[in-house]
Amino acid sequence: MSEQDKKGDEGLKEYADGWMTERKGTDAPGFLKLAIPVIGLGCTAYLVMQMYGDVSHGTRGPLVQQFNAATRTNPALMYGIALLALVYVAIVAVFAFRKPHED
C-alpha cells in the first residue's frame, strides 16, 4: 500500500468487514434525523386512530362493529401500548439528535 493510500484511510471508518465506510466525525443528514420522530409519531397516531378498526367504512364498517362487540377491545391496553411507543420514539429521537461521538 502506498503512502498516499495510508493517509487517505486515516479519516475513514469501516463497518461489517468493509461493506460500509464513513468518514470519522460525520453526522447523519438533518432530514433523516427529522424522519425518525415524524414516522414514529405517525405510526403511534395510526395505532390510536385505528384502535377500534375501520368502523366508518361503507361496506366493512358494520362487520368491524360486530367484531368489536364480540371481542371487546381494551382501550387501556391500547393506550398503554401507544404510550410505550411514544416513549420509544422519544428515546430514539434523543439518540438521533445527539452529537456524534467516536468509539
PDB file of N, CA and C in Angstrom:
ATOM      1  N   MET A   1       0.852  -1.173   0.000  1.00  0.00           N
ATOM      2  CA  MET A   1       0.000   0.000   0.000  1.00  0.00           C
ATOM      3  C   MET A   1       0.894   1.229   0.000  1.00  0.00           C
ATOM      4  N   SER A   2       0.580   2.188  -0.802  1.00  0.00           N
ATOM      5  CA  SER A   2       1.412   3.382  -0.913  1.00  0.00           C
ATOM      6  C   SER A   2       1.157   4.327   0.264  1.00  0.00           C
ATOM      7  N   GLU A   3       2.028   5.309   0.391  1.00  0.00           N
ATOM      8  CA  GLU A   3       1.907   6.288   1.474  1.00  0.00           C
ATOM      9  C   GLU A   3       0.635   7.127   1.323  1.00  0.00           C
ATOM     10  N   GLN A   4       0.242   7.423   0.089  1.00  0.00           N
ATOM     11  CA  GLN A   4      -0.972   8.202  -0.177  1.00  0.00           C
ATOM     12  C   GLN A   4      -2.216   7.437   0.286  1.00  0.00           C
ATOM     13  N   ASP A   5      -2.256   6.125   0.029  1.00  0.00           N
ATOM     14  CA  ASP A   5      -3.398   5.318   0.456  1.00  0.00           C
ATOM     15  C   ASP A   5      -3.496   5.266   1.971  1.00  0.00           C
ATOM     16  N   LYS A   6      -2.376   5.188   2.638  1.00  0.00           N
ATOM     17  CA  LYS A   6      -2.394   5.150   4.097  1.00  0.00           C
ATOM     18  C   LYS A   6      -2.920   6.457   4.675  1.00  0.00           C
ATOM     19  N   LYS A   7      -2.554   7.580   4.077  1.00  0.00           N
ATOM     20  CA  LYS A   7      -3.038   8.868   4.558  1.00  0.00           C
ATOM     21  C   LYS A   7      -4.531   9.023   4.290  1.00  0.00           C
ATOM     22  N   GLY A   8      -5.014   8.539   3.166  1.00  0.00           N
ATOM     23  CA  GLY A   8      -6.424   8.660   2.820  1.00  0.00           C
ATOM     24  C   GLY A   8      -7.332   7.816   3.695  1.00  0.00           C
ATOM     25  N   ASP A   9      -6.822   6.695   4.192  1.00  0.00           N
ATOM     26  CA  ASP A   9      -7.630   5.801   5.016  1.00  0.00           C
ATOM     27  C   ASP A   9      -7.716   6.248   6.470  1.00  0.00           C
ATOM     28  N   GLU A  10      -6.921   7.239   6.867  1.00  0.00           N
ATOM     29  CA  GLU A  10      -6.940   7.664   8.262  1.00  0.00           C
ATOM     30  C   GLU A  10      -8.282   8.269   8.658  1.00  0.00           C
ATOM     31  N   GLY A  11      -8.970   8.907   7.750  1.00  0.00           N
ATOM     32  CA  GLY A  11     -10.234   9.549   8.059  1.00  0.00           C
ATOM     33  C   GLY A  11     -11.444   8.680   7.822  1.00  0.00           C
ATOM     34  N   LEU A  12     -11.245   7.405   7.466  1.00  0.00           N
ATOM     35  CA  LEU A  12     -12.367   6.512   7.180  1.00  0.00           C
ATOM     36  C   LEU A  12     -12.531   5.486   8.291  1.00  0.00           C
ATOM     37  N   LYS A  13     -13.768   5.103   8.501  1.00  0.00           N
ATOM     38  CA  LYS A  13     -14.097   4.082   9.491  1.00  0.00           C
ATOM     39  C   LYS A  13     -14.905   3.009   8.778  1.00  0.00           C
ATOM     40  N   GLU A  14     -14.520   1.752   8.943  1.00  0.00           N
ATOM     41  CA  GLU A  14     -15.199   0.656   8.248  1.00  0.00           C
ATOM     42  C   GLU A  14     -16.086  -0.123   9.216  1.00  0.00           C
ATOM     43  N   TYR A  15     -17.207  -0.579   8.680  1.00  0.00           N
ATOM     44  CA  TYR A  15     -18.129  -1.438   9.404  1.00  0.00           C
ATOM     45  C   TYR A  15     -18.375  -2.681   8.569  1.00  0.00           C
ATOM     46  N   ALA A  16     -18.732  -3.770   9.198  1.00  0.00           N
ATOM     47  CA  ALA A  16     -19.135  -5.004   8.510  1.00  0.00           C
ATOM     48  C   ALA A  16     -18.059  -5.466   7.536  1.00  0.00           C
ATOM     49  N   ASP A  17     -16.832  -5.544   8.001  1.00  0.00           N
ATOM     50  CA  ASP A  17     -15.704  -6.019   7.197  1.00  0.00           C
ATOM     51  C   ASP A  17     -15.539  -5.242   5.896  1.00  0.00           C
ATOM     52  N   GLY A  18     -15.749  -3.938   5.942  1.00  0.00           N
ATOM     53  CA  GLY A  18     -15.524  -3.096   4.779  1.00  0.00           C
ATOM     54  C   GLY A  18     -16.723  -2.898   3.880  1.00  0.00           C
ATOM     55  N   TRP A  19     -17.863  -3.476   4.207  1.00  0.00           N
ATOM     56  CA  TRP A  19     -19.049  -3.288   3.364  1.00  0.00           C
ATOM     57  C   TRP A  19     -19.584  -1.868   3.473  1.00  0.00           C
ATOM     58  N   MET A  20     -19.394  -1.244   4.634  1.00  0.00           N
ATOM     59  CA  MET A  20     -19.831   0.139   4.822  1.00  0.00           C
ATOM     60  C   MET A  20     -18.646   0.944   5.328  1.00  0.00           C
ATOM     61  N   THR A  21     -18.444   2.115   4.769  1.00  0.00           N
ATOM     62  CA  THR A  21     -17.400   3.018   5.234  1.00  0.00           C
ATOM     63  C   THR A  21     -17.995   4.403   5.416  1.00  0.00           C
ATOM     64  N   GLU A  22     -17.430   5.144   6.358  1.00  0.00           N
ATOM     65  CA  GLU A  22     -17.836   6.524   6.564  1.00  0.00           C
ATOM     66  C   GLU A  22     -16.644   7.316   7.060  1.00  0.00           C
ATOM     67  N   ARG A  23     -16.721   8.606   6.892  1.00  0.00           N
ATOM     68  CA  ARG A  23     -15.672   9.476   7.405  1.00  0.00           C
ATOM     69  C   ARG A  23     -15.877   9.659   8.900  1.00  0.00           C
ATOM     70  N   LYS A  24     -14.796   9.695   9.620  1.00  0.00           N
ATOM     71  CA  LYS A  24     -14.885   9.888  11.069  1.00  0.00           C
ATOM     72  C   LYS A  24     -15.397  11.285  11.360  1.00  0.00           C
ATOM     73  N   GLY A  25     -16.287  11.377  12.334  1.00  0.00           N
ATOM     74  CA  GLY A  25     -16.827  12.673  12.736  1.00  0.00           C
ATOM     75  C   GLY A  25     -18.003  13.151  11.920  1.00  0.00           C
ATOM     76  N   THR A  26     -18.476  12.355  10.955  1.00  0.00           N
ATOM     77  CA  THR A  26     -19.635  12.788  10.169  1.00  0.00           C
ATOM     78  C   THR A  26     -20.913  12.497  10.932  1.00  0.00           C
ATOM     79  N   ASP A  27     -21.949  13.198  10.572  1.00  0.00           N
ATOM     80  CA  ASP A  27     -23.236  13.052  11.233  1.00  0.00           C
ATOM     81  C   ASP A  27     -24.294  12.732  10.185  1.00  0.00           C
ATOM     82  N   ALA A  28     -25.404  12.176  10.630  1.00  0.00           N
ATOM     83  CA  ALA A  28     -26.500  11.866   9.717  1.00  0.00           C
ATOM     84  C   ALA A  28     -27.130  13.158   9.210  1.00  0.00           C
ATOM     85  N   PRO A  29     -27.657  13.158   7.983  1.00  0.00           N
ATOM     86  CA  PRO A  29     -28.315  14.365   7.451  1.00  0.00           C
ATOM     87  C   PRO A  29     -29.539  14.749   8.288  1.00  0.00           C
ATOM     88  N   GLY A  30     -29.855  16.027   8.273  1.00  0.00           N
ATOM     89  CA  GLY A  30     -30.968  16.534   9.076  1.00  0.00           C
ATOM     90  C   GLY A  30     -32.311  15.932   8.724  1.00  0.00           C
ATOM     91  N   PHE A  31     -32.548  15.688   7.421  1.00  0.00           N
ATOM     92  CA  PHE A  31     -33.849  15.126   7.045  1.00  0.00           C
ATOM     93  C   PHE A  31     -34.017  13.702   7.573  1.00  0.00           C
ATOM     94  N   LEU A  32     -32.919  12.953   7.709  1.00  0.00           N
ATOM     95  CA  LEU A  32     -33.030  11.619   8.293  1.00  0.00           C
ATOM     96  C   LEU A  32     -33.303  11.692   9.789  1.00  0.00           C
ATOM     97  N   LYS A  33     -32.685  12.671  10.443  1.00  0.00           N
ATOM     98  CA  LYS A  33     -32.952  12.861  11.867  1.00  0.00           C
ATOM     99  C   LYS A  33     -34.406  13.269  12.094  1.00  0.00           C
ATOM    100  N   LEU A  34     -34.922  14.106  11.220  1.00  0.00           N
ATOM    101  CA  LEU A  34     -36.303  14.548  11.350  1.00  0.00           C
ATOM    102  C   LEU A  34     -37.291  13.433  11.010  1.00  0.00           C
ATOM    103  N   ALA A  35     -36.885  12.526  10.133  1.00  0.00           N
ATOM    104  CA  ALA A  35     -37.777  11.439   9.728  1.00  0.00           C
ATOM    105  C   ALA A  35     -38.080  10.491  10.891  1.00  0.00           C
ATOM    106  N   ILE A  36     -37.151  10.343  11.814  1.00  0.00           N
ATOM    107  CA  ILE A  36     -37.353   9.407  12.929  1.00  0.00           C
ATOM    108  C   ILE A  36     -38.565   9.791  13.775  1.00  0.00           C
ATOM    109  N   PRO A  37     -38.648  11.020  14.323  1.00  0.00           N
ATOM    110  CA  PRO A  37     -39.852  11.325  15.111  1.00  0.00           C
ATOM    111  C   PRO A  37     -41.120  11.453  14.274  1.00  0.00           C
ATOM    112  N   VAL A  38     -41.000  11.920  13.029  1.00  0.00           N
ATOM    113  CA  VAL A  38     -42.204  12.069  12.199  1.00  0.00           C
ATOM    114  C   VAL A  38     -42.829  10.699  11.914  1.00  0.00           C
ATOM    115  N   ILE A  39     -42.012   9.738  11.522  1.00  0.00           N
ATOM    116  CA  ILE A  39     -42.528   8.398  11.240  1.00  0.00           C
ATOM    117  C   ILE A  39     -43.032   7.739  12.518  1.00  0.00           C
ATOM    118  N   GLY A  40     -42.286   7.885  13.605  1.00  0.00           N
ATOM    119  CA  GLY A  40     -42.700   7.282  14.879  1.00  0.00           C
ATOM    120  C   GLY A  40     -44.009   7.849  15.391  1.00  0.00           C
ATOM    121  N   LEU A  41     -44.158   9.174  15.320  1.00  0.00           N
ATOM    122  CA  LEU A  41     -45.404   9.788  15.772  1.00  0.00           C
ATOM    123  C   LEU A  41     -46.562   9.435  14.844  1.00  0.00           C
ATOM    124  N   GLY A  42     -46.295   9.326  13.553  1.00  0.00           N
ATOM    125  CA  GLY A  42     -47.336   8.911  12.610  1.00  0.00           C
ATOM    126  C   GLY A  42     -47.826   7.494  12.885  1.00  0.00           C
ATOM    127  N   CYS A  43     -46.894   6.600  13.172  1.00  0.00           N
ATOM    128  CA  CYS A  43     -47.280   5.211  13.491  1.00  0.00           C
ATOM    129  C   CYS A  43     -48.070   5.141  14.785  1.00  0.00           C
ATOM    130  N   THR A  44     -47.662   5.918  15.786  1.00  0.00           N
ATOM    131  CA  THR A  44     -48.391   5.918  17.053  1.00  0.00           C
ATOM    132  C   THR A  44     -49.787   6.516  16.877  1.00  0.00           C
ATOM    133  N   ALA A  45     -49.899   7.582  16.091  1.00  0.00           N
ATOM    134  CA  ALA A  45     -51.214   8.169  15.833  1.00  0.00           C
ATOM    135  C   ALA A  45     -52.108   7.193  15.087  1.00  0.00           C
ATOM    136  N   TYR A  46     -51.545   6.471  14.137  1.00  0.00           N
ATOM    137  CA  TYR A  46     -52.331   5.474  13.399  1.00  0.00           C
ATOM    138  C   TYR A  46     -52.828   4.379  14.346  1.00  0.00           C
ATOM    139  N   LEU A  47     -51.974   3.981  15.289  1.00  0.00           N
ATOM    140  CA  LEU A  47     -52.366   2.954  16.258  1.00  0.00           C
ATOM    141  C   LEU A  47     -53.566   3.409  17.083  1.00  0.00           C
ATOM    142  N   VAL A  48     -53.551   4.658  17.534  1.00  0.00           N
ATOM    143  CA  VAL A  48     -54.654   5.172  18.352  1.00  0.00           C
ATOM    144  C   VAL A  48     -55.903   5.388  17.499  1.00  0.00           C
ATOM    145  N   MET A  49     -55.729   5.943  16.289  1.00  0.00           N
ATOM    146  CA  MET A  49     -56.890   6.235  15.449  1.00  0.00           C
ATOM    147  C   MET A  49     -57.579   4.961  14.944  1.00  0.00           C
ATOM    148  N   GLN A  50     -56.816   3.909  14.735  1.00  0.00           N
ATOM    149  CA  GLN A  50     -57.386   2.655  14.246  1.00  0.00           C
ATOM    150  C   GLN A  50     -57.569   1.624  15.359  1.00  0.00           C
ATOM    151  N   MET A  51     -57.662   2.094  16.589  1.00  0.00           N
ATOM    152  CA  MET A  51     -57.790   1.193  17.729  1.00  0.00           C
ATOM    153  C   MET A  51     -59.038   0.315  17.617  1.00  0.00           C
ATOM    154  N   TYR A  52     -60.108   0.857  17.144  1.00  0.00           N
ATOM    155  CA  TYR A  52     -61.359   0.097  17.019  1.00  0.00           C
ATOM    156  C   TYR A  52     -61.602  -0.405  15.613  1.00  0.00           C
ATOM    157  N   GLY A  53     -60.667  -0.202  14.725  1.00  0.00           N
ATOM    158  CA  GLY A  53     -60.836  -0.662  13.353  1.00  0.00           C
ATOM    159  C   GLY A  53     -61.474   0.404  12.485  1.00  0.00           C
ATOM    160  N   ASP A  54     -61.792   0.018  11.279  1.00  0.00           N
ATOM    161  CA  ASP A  54     -62.358   0.933  10.285  1.00  0.00           C
ATOM    162  C   ASP A  54     -63.880   0.877  10.354  1.00  0.00           C
ATOM    163  N   VAL A  55     -64.433   1.423  11.448  1.00  0.00           N
ATOM    164  CA  VAL A  55     -65.875   1.318  11.678  1.00  0.00           C
ATOM    165  C   VAL A  55     -66.691   2.253  10.794  1.00  0.00           C
ATOM    166  N   SER A  56     -66.066   3.258  10.202  1.00  0.00           N
ATOM    167  CA  SER A  56     -66.827   4.204   9.382  1.00  0.00           C
ATOM    168  C   SER A  56     -66.812   3.845   7.902  1.00  0.00           C
ATOM    169  N   HIS A  57     -66.209   2.728   7.541  1.00  0.00           N
ATOM    170  CA  HIS A  57     -66.162   2.318   6.131  1.00  0.00           C
ATOM    171  C   HIS A  57     -67.552   1.876   5.684  1.00  0.00           C
ATOM    172  N   GLY A  58     -67.884   2.165   4.446  1.00  0.00           N
ATOM    173  CA  GLY A  58     -69.228   1.897   3.927  1.00  0.00           C
ATOM    174  C   GLY A  58     -69.591   0.420   3.890  1.00  0.00           C
ATOM    175  N   THR A  59     -68.684  -0.449   3.432  1.00  0.00           N
ATOM    176  CA  THR A  59     -69.051  -1.860   3.267  1.00  0.00           C
ATOM    177  C   THR A  59     -68.597  -2.731   4.438  1.00  0.00           C
ATOM    178  N   ARG A  60     -67.408  -2.516   4.933  1.00  0.00           N
ATOM    179  CA  ARG A  60     -66.945  -3.403   6.012  1.00  0.00           C
ATOM    180  C   ARG A  60     -67.139  -2.822   7.407  1.00  0.00           C
ATOM    181  N   GLY A  61     -67.624  -1.581   7.511  1.00  0.00           N
ATOM    182  CA  GLY A  61     -67.848  -0.943   8.801  1.00  0.00           C
ATOM    183  C   GLY A  61     -68.759  -1.726   9.729  1.00  0.00           C
ATOM    184  N   PRO A  62     -69.932  -2.200   9.247  1.00  0.00           N
ATOM    185  CA  PRO A  62     -70.814  -2.985  10.127  1.00  0.00           C
ATOM    186  C   PRO A  62     -70.164  -4.294  10.602  1.00  0.00           C
ATOM    187  N   LEU A  63     -69.359  -4.915   9.740  1.00  0.00           N
ATOM    188  CA  LEU A  63     -68.679  -6.147  10.158  1.00  0.00           C
ATOM    189  C   LEU A  63     -67.648  -5.859  11.241  1.00  0.00           C
ATOM    190  N   VAL A  64     -66.947  -4.752  11.115  1.00  0.00           N
ATOM    191  CA  VAL A  64     -65.960  -4.381  12.129  1.00  0.00           C
ATOM    192  C   VAL A  64     -66.664  -4.054  13.440  1.00  0.00           C
ATOM    193  N   GLN A  65     -67.803  -3.403  13.373  1.00  0.00           N
ATOM    194  CA  GLN A  65     -68.558  -3.109  14.593  1.00  0.00           C
ATOM    195  C   GLN A  65     -69.037  -4.390  15.268  1.00  0.00           C
ATOM    196  N   GLN A  66     -69.479  -5.357  14.485  1.00  0.00           N
ATOM    197  CA  GLN A  66     -69.886  -6.648  15.066  1.00  0.00           C
ATOM    198  C   GLN A  66     -68.692  -7.362  15.696  1.00  0.00           C
ATOM    199  N   PHE A  67     -67.550  -7.305  15.034  1.00  0.00           N
ATOM    200  CA  PHE A  67     -66.343  -7.926  15.579  1.00  0.00           C
ATOM    201  C   PHE A  67     -65.931  -7.242  16.887  1.00  0.00           C
ATOM    202  N   ASN A  68     -65.999  -5.917  16.930  1.00  0.00           N
ATOM    203  CA  ASN A  68     -65.661  -5.181  18.154  1.00  0.00           C
ATOM    204  C   ASN A  68     -66.608  -5.526  19.287  1.00  0.00           C
ATOM    205  N   ALA A  69     -67.890  -5.701  18.968  1.00  0.00           N
ATOM    206  CA  ALA A  69     -68.863  -6.059  20.007  1.00  0.00           C
ATOM    207  C   ALA A  69     -68.595  -7.462  20.556  1.00  0.00           C
ATOM    208  N   ALA A  70     -68.132  -8.358  19.702  1.00  0.00           N
ATOM    209  CA  ALA A  70     -67.876  -9.727  20.141  1.00  0.00           C
ATOM    210  C   ALA A  70     -66.560  -9.864  20.906  1.00  0.00           C
ATOM    211  N   THR A  71     -65.564  -9.075  20.551  1.00  0.00           N
ATOM    212  CA  THR A  71     -64.238  -9.259  21.159  1.00  0.00           C
ATOM    213  C   THR A  71     -63.913  -8.241  22.242  1.00  0.00           C
ATOM    214  N   ARG A  72     -64.568  -7.120  22.265  1.00  0.00           N
ATOM    215  CA  ARG A  72     -64.374  -6.077  23.271  1.00  0.00           C
ATOM    216  C   ARG A  72     -62.917  -5.647  23.392  1.00  0.00           C
ATOM    217  N   THR A  73     -62.528  -4.697  22.595  1.00  0.00           N
ATOM    218  CA  THR A  73     -61.182  -4.142  22.634  1.00  0.00           C
ATOM    219  C   THR A  73     -60.957  -3.426  23.955  1.00  0.00           C
ATOM    220  N   ASN A  74     -59.767  -3.613  24.533  1.00  0.00           N
ATOM    221  CA  ASN A  74     -59.421  -2.996  25.798  1.00  0.00           C
ATOM    222  C   ASN A  74     -58.716  -1.661  25.528  1.00  0.00           C
ATOM    223  N   PRO A  75     -59.401  -0.530  25.729  1.00  0.00           N
ATOM    224  CA  PRO A  75     -58.776   0.757  25.426  1.00  0.00           C
ATOM    225  C   PRO A  75     -57.574   1.066  26.323  1.00  0.00           C
ATOM    226  N   ALA A  76     -57.616   0.651  27.589  1.00  0.00           N
ATOM    227  CA  ALA A  76     -56.490   0.929  28.489  1.00  0.00           C
ATOM    228  C   ALA A  76     -55.216   0.244  27.995  1.00  0.00           C
ATOM    229  N   LEU A  77     -55.344  -0.979  27.515  1.00  0.00           N
ATOM    230  CA  LEU A  77     -54.188  -1.696  26.989  1.00  0.00           C
ATOM    231  C   LEU A  77     -53.656  -1.008  25.734  1.00  0.00           C
ATOM    232  N   MET A  78     -54.551  -0.588  24.852  1.00  0.00           N
ATOM    233  CA  MET A  78     -54.125   0.055  23.613  1.00  0.00           C
ATOM    234  C   MET A  78     -53.461   1.406  23.877  1.00  0.00           C
ATOM    235  N   TYR A  79     -54.016   2.185  24.816  1.00  0.00           N
ATOM    236  CA  TYR A  79     -53.380   3.461  25.151  1.00  0.00           C
ATOM    237  C   TYR A  79     -52.045   3.229  25.856  1.00  0.00           C
ATOM    238  N   GLY A  80     -51.939   2.164  26.637  1.00  0.00           N
ATOM    239  CA  GLY A  80     -50.666   1.816  27.266  1.00  0.00           C
ATOM    240  C   GLY A  80     -49.608   1.460  26.233  1.00  0.00           C
ATOM    241  N   ILE A  81     -49.998   0.706  25.216  1.00  0.00           N
ATOM    242  CA  ILE A  81     -49.071   0.358  24.132  1.00  0.00           C
ATOM    243  C   ILE A  81     -48.678   1.612  23.360  1.00  0.00           C
ATOM    244  N   ALA A  82     -49.628   2.511  23.123  1.00  0.00           N
ATOM    245  CA  ALA A  82     -49.318   3.771  22.438  1.00  0.00           C
ATOM    246  C   ALA A  82     -48.362   4.618  23.277  1.00  0.00           C
ATOM    247  N   LEU A  83     -48.535   4.616  24.586  1.00  0.00           N
ATOM    248  CA  LEU A  83     -47.627   5.347  25.464  1.00  0.00           C
ATOM    249  C   LEU A  83     -46.221   4.758  25.403  1.00  0.00           C
ATOM    250  N   LEU A  84     -46.118   3.433  25.408  1.00  0.00           N
ATOM    251  CA  LEU A  84     -44.805   2.796  25.261  1.00  0.00           C
ATOM    252  C   LEU A  84     -44.167   3.146  23.919  1.00  0.00           C
ATOM    253  N   ALA A  85     -44.976   3.206  22.878  1.00  0.00           N
ATOM    254  CA  ALA A  85     -44.458   3.585  21.562  1.00  0.00           C
ATOM    255  C   ALA A  85     -43.949   5.026  21.572  1.00  0.00           C
ATOM    256  N   LEU A  86     -44.666   5.927  22.245  1.00  0.00           N
ATOM    257  CA  LEU A  86     -44.212   7.315  22.342  1.00  0.00           C
ATOM    258  C   LEU A  86     -42.910   7.427  23.121  1.00  0.00           C
ATOM    259  N   VAL A  87     -42.777   6.654  24.185  1.00  0.00           N
ATOM    260  CA  VAL A  87     -41.531   6.654  24.953  1.00  0.00           C
ATOM    261  C   VAL A  87     -40.388   6.152  24.083  1.00  0.00           C
ATOM    262  N   TYR A  88     -40.635   5.103  23.314  1.00  0.00           N
ATOM    263  CA  TYR A  88     -39.609   4.570  22.421  1.00  0.00           C
ATOM    264  C   TYR A  88     -39.206   5.606  21.368  1.00  0.00           C
ATOM    265  N   VAL A  89     -40.182   6.285  20.788  1.00  0.00           N
ATOM    266  CA  VAL A  89     -39.892   7.310  19.779  1.00  0.00           C
ATOM    267  C   VAL A  89     -39.071   8.438  20.401  1.00  0.00           C
ATOM    268  N   ALA A  90     -39.403   8.832  21.620  1.00  0.00           N
ATOM    269  CA  ALA A  90     -38.656   9.898  22.285  1.00  0.00           C
ATOM    270  C   ALA A  90     -37.210   9.482  22.541  1.00  0.00           C
ATOM    271  N   ILE A  91     -36.991   8.247  22.984  1.00  0.00           N
ATOM    272  CA  ILE A  91     -35.637   7.766  23.249  1.00  0.00           C
ATOM    273  C   ILE A  91     -34.826   7.709  21.960  1.00  0.00           C
ATOM    274  N   VAL A  92     -35.406   7.183  20.898  1.00  0.00           N
ATOM    275  CA  VAL A  92     -34.694   7.088  19.622  1.00  0.00           C
ATOM    276  C   VAL A  92     -34.412   8.484  19.064  1.00  0.00           C
ATOM    277  N   ALA A  93     -35.341   9.421  19.226  1.00  0.00           N
ATOM    278  CA  ALA A  93     -35.129  10.791  18.746  1.00  0.00           C
ATOM    279  C   ALA A  93     -33.996  11.466  19.508  1.00  0.00           C
ATOM    280  N   VAL A  94     -33.899  11.218  20.807  1.00  0.00           N
ATOM    281  CA  VAL A  94     -32.794  11.786  21.590  1.00  0.00           C
ATOM    282  C   VAL A  94     -31.465  11.258  21.064  1.00  0.00           C
ATOM    283  N   PHE A  95     -31.377   9.971  20.800  1.00  0.00           N
ATOM    284  CA  PHE A  95     -30.143   9.402  20.245  1.00  0.00           C
ATOM    285  C   PHE A  95     -29.854   9.950  18.845  1.00  0.00           C
ATOM    286  N   ALA A  96     -30.888  10.188  18.055  1.00  0.00           N
ATOM    287  CA  ALA A  96     -30.683  10.682  16.688  1.00  0.00           C
ATOM    288  C   ALA A  96     -30.177  12.116  16.676  1.00  0.00           C
ATOM    289  N   PHE A  97     -30.683  12.953  17.574  1.00  0.00           N
ATOM    290  CA  PHE A  97     -30.311  14.364  17.569  1.00  0.00           C
ATOM    291  C   PHE A  97     -29.075  14.667  18.417  1.00  0.00           C
ATOM    292  N   ARG A  98     -28.558  13.663  19.090  1.00  0.00           N
ATOM    293  CA  ARG A  98     -27.359  13.858  19.889  1.00  0.00           C
ATOM    294  C   ARG A  98     -26.148  14.008  18.977  1.00  0.00           C
ATOM    295  N   LYS A  99     -25.140  14.712  19.451  1.00  0.00           N
ATOM    296  CA  LYS A  99     -23.896  14.883  18.687  1.00  0.00           C
ATOM    297  C   LYS A  99     -23.225  13.530  18.523  1.00  0.00           C
ATOM    298  N   PRO A 100     -22.621  13.284  17.349  1.00  0.00           N
ATOM    299  CA  PRO A 100     -21.910  12.016  17.164  1.00  0.00           C
ATOM    300  C   PRO A 100     -20.622  11.994  17.990  1.00  0.00           C
ATOM    301  N   HIS A 101     -20.262  10.809  18.435  1.00  0.00           N
ATOM    302  CA  HIS A 101     -19.009  10.668  19.167  1.00  0.00           C
ATOM    303  C   HIS A 101     -18.262   9.464  18.613  1.00  0.00           C
ATOM    304  N   GLU A 102     -16.975   9.495  18.707  1.00  0.00           N
ATOM    305  CA  GLU A 102     -16.133   8.404  18.207  1.00  0.00           C
ATOM    306  C   GLU A 102     -15.990   7.336  19.296  1.00  0.00           C
ATOM    307  N   ASP A 103     -16.037   6.095  18.870  1.00  0.00           N
ATOM    308  CA  ASP A 103     -15.901   4.982  19.822  1.00  0.00           C
ATOM    309  C   ASP A 103     -14.455   4.647  20.056  1.00  0.00           C
TER     310      ASP A 103
END
